[in-house]
């Protein structure tokens, strides 16, 4: 375990100071900062992400945080009571932990900075265990936000964004995939599963890890074969309809997919039959589509041979 570090932060209500331990910071973000492949988040500012409902007050940034740099930062934004009452009538949170003070136009303000960012669905169905009663009660409604800079920036600069949003101090993310998945609780089946997808602004795209790239690459290869993409541009058009991450992989693997499309153009039946025979775990519908595709190709080839023989 890393050596515990303590540092003074913002002024406590009694005029003293509060202390945060490095170990408690690390533990506080465990449920969304990992996805089975190791930690995805830096510990800087983590307490604010998981439990600090107060807005950042602009003072008390420890030196270790002030000098930290990165491209991606995570935020929690808390809407006001008026916003919830006007827009989320089925929210059962009663204000026991207070209300947020984010301006209603915070997304527009963030857009105007030119920074790329992504916003989760509003988390108003999260629950927390009440230690005094042993019962679950609604958590304070909030959004999770990832803001990305084009180049590394300082933690102090990231805190300026938190001030604009009236949000707690941010979390420095080394790889934002874990927090992105946490936006819908994708890897937390015990939590409420939000069906709405996160919304990206100013061209934000999710950085993909190697496993995700491989998975999407395999899916796109299958699309090439099933939809008869004989030109690379055809695949790009298909990827466009599947989401930004699919287009990102297709554009980043130009030579590979050009070769796949060329192979399909010159030997479509052989490619489809080999793919069917050599790809384990195909679902029944995909296998049916492949067999139908092979039947159509053979029928077309037979007609062309018959026509050529006359």
Protein backbone atom coordinates (compact mmCIF):
# COMPACT_ATOMS: atom_id res chain seq x y z
CA UNK A 1 0.00 0.00 0.00
CA UNK A 2 1.24 3.45 -0.86
CA UNK A 3 2.41 5.60 2.03
CA UNK A 4 -0.50 7.53 3.49
CA UNK A 5 -0.22 11.26 2.95
CA UNK A 6 -2.28 13.88 4.74
CA UNK A 7 -2.68 17.46 3.82
CA UNK A 8 -4.73 20.41 4.90
CA UNK A 9 -7.57 21.39 2.65
CA UNK A 10 -10.29 23.98 2.91
CA UNK A 11 -11.34 25.61 6.14
CA UNK A 12 -13.73 23.62 8.30
CA UNK A 13 -16.93 25.20 9.69
CA UNK A 14 -15.43 25.48 13.16
CA UNK A 15 -12.53 27.56 11.87
CA UNK A 16 -10.10 24.67 11.90
CA UNK A 17 -8.99 22.63 8.91
CA UNK A 18 -10.09 19.31 7.53
CA UNK A 19 -7.65 16.60 6.59
CA UNK A 20 -7.83 14.07 3.79
CA UNK A 21 -5.81 10.89 3.73
CA UNK A 22 -4.33 9.55 0.53
CA UNK A 23 -5.64 6.06 1.28
CA UNK A 24 -9.19 7.22 1.86
CA UNK A 25 -9.03 9.14 -1.40
CA UNK A 26 -8.05 6.01 -3.28
CA UNK A 27 -10.81 3.92 -1.74
CA UNK A 28 -13.51 6.49 -2.34
CA UNK A 29 -13.41 6.11 -6.13
CA UNK A 30 -12.93 2.36 -6.30
CA UNK A 31 -16.36 1.54 -7.70
CA UNK A 32 -16.06 3.65 -10.85
CA UNK A 33 -12.32 4.06 -11.34
CA UNK A 34 -11.65 0.43 -12.16
CA UNK A 35 -13.08 -1.93 -14.73
CA UNK A 36 -11.24 -5.14 -13.95
CA UNK A 37 -8.04 -4.03 -15.62
CA UNK A 38 -6.52 -2.00 -12.84
CA UNK A 39 -6.99 1.53 -11.64
CA UNK A 40 -8.24 4.02 -14.21
CA UNK A 41 -8.10 7.12 -12.04
CA UNK A 42 -5.56 9.26 -10.29
CA UNK A 43 -6.36 9.88 -6.63
CA UNK A 44 -6.06 13.65 -6.86
CA UNK A 45 -9.38 15.21 -5.87
CA UNK A 46 -11.13 11.85 -5.52
CA UNK A 47 -12.93 12.60 -2.27
CA UNK A 48 -14.88 15.38 -3.93
CA UNK A 49 -16.01 13.01 -6.67
CA UNK A 50 -17.49 10.47 -4.31
CA UNK A 51 -18.77 12.27 -1.27
CA UNK A 52 -18.15 16.01 -1.05
CA UNK A 53 -21.44 17.76 -1.78
CA UNK A 54 -20.07 21.27 -1.31
CA UNK A 55 -18.95 23.50 -4.13
CA UNK A 56 -15.25 24.20 -4.50
CA UNK A 57 -14.35 27.44 -2.75
CA UNK A 58 -11.25 28.30 -4.77
CA UNK A 59 -8.78 28.00 -1.88
CA UNK A 60 -6.73 25.36 -0.16
CA UNK A 61 -5.35 23.39 -3.12
CA UNK A 62 -2.46 21.32 -1.72
CA UNK A 63 0.87 21.65 -3.48
CA UNK A 64 0.80 17.99 -4.55
CA UNK A 65 -2.45 18.68 -6.40
CA UNK A 66 -1.51 22.11 -7.72
CA UNK A 67 1.42 20.63 -9.63
CA UNK A 68 -0.47 17.59 -10.98
CA UNK A 69 -1.13 17.61 -14.73
CA UNK A 70 -3.34 15.64 -17.09
CA UNK A 71 -5.70 15.81 -20.06
CA UNK A 72 -8.88 14.35 -18.58
CA UNK A 73 -10.70 15.43 -15.42
CA UNK A 74 -13.88 14.11 -13.85
CA UNK A 75 -16.51 16.30 -12.18
CA UNK A 76 -19.74 15.87 -10.27
CA UNK A 77 -22.31 18.58 -10.94
CA UNK A 78 -25.30 19.00 -8.61
CA UNK A 79 -28.48 20.63 -9.95
CA UNK A 80 -30.51 23.10 -7.92
CA UNK A 81 -33.78 22.25 -6.19
CA UNK A 82 -35.62 24.46 -8.68
CA UNK A 83 -34.14 22.51 -11.60
CA UNK A 84 -35.16 19.16 -10.11
CA UNK A 85 -38.68 20.33 -9.28
CA UNK A 86 -39.14 21.69 -12.82
CA UNK A 87 -37.54 18.87 -14.81
CA UNK A 88 -37.59 15.64 -12.76
CA UNK A 89 -41.04 15.33 -11.16
CA UNK A 90 -40.51 11.68 -10.19
CA UNK A 91 -37.33 12.40 -8.19
CA UNK A 92 -37.87 11.26 -4.57
CA UNK A 93 -34.82 12.96 -3.06
CA UNK A 94 -36.10 15.24 -0.26
CA UNK A 95 -33.10 17.49 0.21
CA UNK A 96 -31.81 15.86 3.41
CA UNK A 97 -28.20 16.38 2.24
CA UNK A 98 -28.83 19.79 0.75
CA UNK A 99 -29.23 20.89 -2.86
CA UNK A 100 -26.78 21.79 -5.57
CA UNK A 101 -26.10 25.27 -6.87
CA UNK A 102 -25.08 24.58 -10.48
CA UNK A 103 -26.42 27.23 -12.87
CA UNK A 104 -29.18 25.89 -15.11
CA UNK A 105 -27.14 26.79 -18.21
CA UNK A 106 -23.94 25.11 -17.02
CA UNK A 107 -23.71 22.94 -20.15
CA UNK A 108 -23.89 26.00 -22.41
CA UNK A 109 -21.24 27.73 -20.31
CA UNK A 110 -18.97 24.71 -20.58
CA UNK A 111 -19.56 24.52 -24.35
CA UNK A 112 -18.42 28.11 -24.68
CA UNK A 113 -15.00 27.24 -23.26
CA UNK A 114 -14.32 25.18 -26.40
CA UNK A 115 -13.28 22.17 -24.30
CA UNK A 116 -14.60 18.75 -25.29
CA UNK A 117 -16.65 17.03 -22.62
CA UNK A 118 -19.26 14.33 -22.00
CA UNK A 119 -22.19 14.38 -19.57
CA UNK A 120 -23.89 11.41 -17.94
CA UNK A 121 -27.64 10.99 -17.64
CA UNK A 122 -28.87 12.71 -14.48
CA UNK A 123 -28.27 10.31 -11.59
CA UNK A 124 -31.42 10.82 -9.55
CA UNK A 125 -32.18 7.15 -8.86
CA UNK A 126 -28.95 6.33 -7.01
CA UNK A 127 -29.34 5.17 -3.42
CA UNK A 128 -27.15 5.11 -0.33
CA UNK A 129 -27.41 3.10 2.88
CA UNK A 130 -28.58 5.17 5.84
CA UNK A 131 -26.39 4.03 8.74
CA UNK A 132 -28.92 5.19 11.33
CA UNK A 133 -31.88 3.24 9.93
CA UNK A 134 -30.22 0.51 7.88
CA UNK A 135 -32.42 1.47 4.92
CA UNK A 136 -31.62 2.74 1.44
CA UNK A 137 -32.44 6.35 0.69
CA UNK A 138 -32.06 8.46 -2.46
CA UNK A 139 -28.70 10.11 -3.06
CA UNK A 140 -28.38 13.75 -3.97
CA UNK A 141 -29.11 14.05 -7.74
CA UNK A 142 -26.02 14.70 -9.83
CA UNK A 143 -24.36 14.47 -13.21
CA UNK A 144 -20.94 12.93 -13.84
CA UNK A 145 -18.86 14.91 -16.33
CA UNK A 146 -15.54 14.25 -18.06
CA UNK A 147 -13.76 17.31 -19.46
CA UNK A 148 -10.80 16.76 -21.79
CA UNK A 149 -8.06 19.18 -22.78
CA UNK A 150 -6.09 18.90 -26.04
CA UNK A 151 -2.83 18.90 -24.07
CA UNK A 152 -1.93 18.35 -20.44
CA UNK A 153 -3.18 21.06 -18.13
CA UNK A 154 -2.74 21.73 -14.42
CA UNK A 155 -5.06 20.66 -11.65
CA UNK A 156 -5.52 24.33 -10.75
CA UNK A 157 -6.84 25.04 -14.26
CA UNK A 158 -9.26 22.13 -13.92
CA UNK A 159 -10.44 23.54 -10.59
CA UNK A 160 -11.37 26.79 -12.35
CA UNK A 161 -13.90 24.79 -14.36
CA UNK A 162 -15.29 23.36 -11.11
CA UNK A 163 -15.72 26.89 -9.80
CA UNK A 164 -17.65 27.87 -12.92
CA UNK A 165 -19.95 24.88 -12.47
CA UNK A 166 -20.30 25.39 -8.71
CA UNK A 167 -19.03 21.83 -8.39
CA UNK A 168 -16.69 20.01 -5.97
CA UNK A 169 -13.01 19.71 -6.83
CA UNK A 170 -12.41 17.44 -9.84
CA UNK A 171 -10.68 14.10 -10.19
CA UNK A 172 -7.60 13.78 -12.40
CA UNK A 173 -8.18 10.80 -14.73
CA UNK A 174 -5.28 8.89 -16.22
CA UNK A 175 -7.71 6.95 -18.41
CA UNK A 176 -11.36 8.06 -18.48
CA UNK A 177 -12.88 4.76 -19.62
CA UNK A 178 -13.81 3.70 -16.09
CA UNK A 179 -15.69 6.90 -15.29
CA UNK A 180 -17.35 6.87 -18.73
CA UNK A 181 -18.75 3.39 -18.08
CA UNK A 182 -19.79 4.46 -14.57
CA UNK A 183 -21.98 7.15 -16.13
CA UNK A 184 -24.59 4.45 -16.83
CA UNK A 185 -23.37 1.96 -14.16
CA UNK A 186 -22.49 -0.39 -17.01
CA UNK A 187 -20.18 -2.50 -14.85
CA UNK A 188 -22.13 -2.12 -11.58
CA UNK A 189 -25.21 -4.37 -11.95
CA UNK A 190 -26.11 -3.78 -8.30
CA UNK A 191 -26.70 -0.08 -9.05
CA UNK A 192 -29.53 1.45 -11.03
CA UNK A 193 -28.88 0.96 -14.76
CA UNK A 194 -29.37 4.22 -16.65
CA UNK A 195 -30.59 3.60 -20.19
CA UNK A 196 -29.83 7.01 -21.70
CA UNK A 197 -26.33 7.23 -23.17
CA UNK A 198 -23.89 9.94 -22.08
CA UNK A 199 -24.02 13.01 -24.33
CA UNK A 200 -20.79 14.30 -25.88
CA UNK A 201 -20.11 17.97 -26.64
CA UNK A 202 -17.49 19.80 -28.72
CA UNK A 203 -16.34 16.60 -30.41
CA UNK A 204 -15.55 14.56 -27.28
CA UNK A 205 -14.84 10.88 -28.02
CA UNK A 206 -14.20 8.11 -25.54
CA UNK A 207 -10.53 7.00 -25.54
CA UNK A 208 -10.59 3.26 -26.18
CA UNK A 209 -8.43 0.64 -24.51
CA UNK A 210 -6.90 -2.26 -26.46
CA UNK A 211 -9.67 -4.71 -25.59
CA UNK A 212 -12.34 -2.28 -26.81
CA UNK A 213 -10.44 -1.62 -30.05
CA UNK A 214 -10.16 -5.36 -30.70
CA UNK A 215 -13.87 -5.92 -29.99
CA UNK A 216 -14.98 -3.08 -32.28
CA UNK A 217 -12.51 -4.17 -34.96
CA UNK A 218 -14.04 -7.66 -34.93
CA UNK A 219 -17.56 -6.21 -35.14
CA UNK A 220 -16.64 -4.03 -38.10
CA UNK A 221 -14.98 -6.96 -39.88
CA UNK A 222 -18.24 -8.84 -39.52
CA UNK A 223 -20.14 -5.84 -40.90
CA UNK A 224 -17.88 -5.81 -43.97
CA UNK A 225 -18.77 -9.43 -44.71
CA UNK A 226 -22.47 -9.27 -43.86
CA UNK A 227 -23.21 -6.05 -45.76
CA UNK A 228 -20.82 -6.61 -48.69
CA UNK A 229 -18.62 -3.54 -48.09
CA UNK A 230 -16.26 -3.80 -51.05
CA UNK A 231 -14.90 -0.29 -50.62
CA UNK A 232 -13.38 1.25 -47.50
CA UNK A 233 -15.63 4.31 -47.76
CA UNK A 234 -18.67 2.01 -47.55
CA UNK A 235 -17.44 0.74 -44.20
CA UNK A 236 -16.94 4.32 -42.98
CA UNK A 237 -20.57 5.06 -43.83
CA UNK A 238 -21.69 1.99 -41.88
CA UNK A 239 -19.47 2.92 -38.92
CA UNK A 240 -20.96 6.42 -38.90
CA UNK A 241 -24.35 4.94 -37.99
CA UNK A 242 -22.94 2.78 -35.19
CA UNK A 243 -21.43 5.47 -33.00
CA UNK A 244 -18.35 7.67 -32.66
CA UNK A 245 -16.17 4.88 -31.26
CA UNK A 246 -16.83 2.69 -34.33
CA UNK A 247 -15.89 5.47 -36.71
CA UNK A 248 -12.82 6.17 -34.58
CA UNK A 249 -11.61 2.56 -34.94
CA UNK A 250 -12.48 2.39 -38.65
CA UNK A 251 -10.52 5.56 -39.38
CA UNK A 252 -7.61 4.42 -37.23
CA UNK A 253 -7.30 1.05 -38.99
CA UNK A 254 -7.36 2.21 -42.62
CA UNK A 255 -4.84 -0.30 -44.04
CA UNK A 256 -6.44 -3.27 -42.27
CA UNK A 257 -10.01 -2.51 -43.38
CA UNK A 258 -8.93 -1.60 -46.92
CA UNK A 259 -7.33 -5.05 -47.18
CA UNK A 260 -10.48 -6.72 -45.80
CA UNK A 261 -12.68 -4.88 -48.31
CA UNK A 262 -10.33 -5.81 -51.16
CA UNK A 263 -10.39 -9.47 -50.13
CA UNK A 264 -14.17 -9.44 -50.14
CA UNK A 265 -14.24 -7.87 -53.60
CA UNK A 266 -12.08 -10.60 -55.15
CA UNK A 267 -13.30 -13.63 -53.24
CA UNK A 268 -16.60 -12.93 -51.45
CA UNK A 269 -17.76 -16.55 -51.25
CA UNK A 270 -14.44 -17.86 -49.97
CA UNK A 271 -14.19 -15.06 -47.40
CA UNK A 272 -17.74 -15.59 -46.11
CA UNK A 273 -17.39 -19.38 -45.95
CA UNK A 274 -14.02 -19.16 -44.18
CA UNK A 275 -15.39 -16.60 -41.72
CA UNK A 276 -18.36 -18.86 -40.94
CA UNK A 277 -16.14 -21.91 -40.46
CA UNK A 278 -13.36 -20.23 -38.47
CA UNK A 279 -15.26 -17.85 -36.18
CA UNK A 280 -16.45 -19.57 -33.00
CA UNK A 281 -19.33 -18.32 -30.89
CA UNK A 282 -21.44 -16.72 -33.62
CA UNK A 283 -25.00 -16.16 -32.47
CA UNK A 284 -27.81 -17.90 -34.33
CA UNK A 285 -29.01 -14.78 -36.15
CA UNK A 286 -25.53 -13.86 -37.41
CA UNK A 287 -24.95 -17.43 -38.58
CA UNK A 288 -28.28 -17.38 -40.41
CA UNK A 289 -27.40 -14.10 -42.09
CA UNK A 290 -24.01 -15.44 -43.16
CA UNK A 291 -25.50 -18.60 -44.65
CA UNK A 292 -28.09 -16.52 -46.50
CA UNK A 293 -25.35 -14.22 -47.75
CA UNK A 294 -23.32 -17.19 -49.03
CA UNK A 295 -26.43 -18.61 -50.76
CA UNK A 296 -27.06 -15.29 -52.50
CA UNK A 297 -23.45 -14.99 -53.61
CA UNK A 298 -23.41 -18.51 -55.04
CA UNK A 299 -26.71 -17.92 -56.82
CA UNK A 300 -25.36 -14.71 -58.30
CA UNK A 301 -22.13 -16.43 -59.40
CA UNK A 302 -24.09 -19.27 -61.03
CA UNK A 303 -26.21 -16.82 -63.03
CA UNK A 304 -23.13 -14.92 -64.16
CA UNK A 305 -21.42 -18.16 -65.27
CA UNK A 306 -24.54 -19.25 -67.11
CA UNK A 307 -24.77 -15.89 -68.82
CA UNK A 308 -21.08 -15.98 -69.76
CA UNK A 309 -21.43 -19.45 -71.29
CA UNK A 310 -24.05 -18.39 -73.81
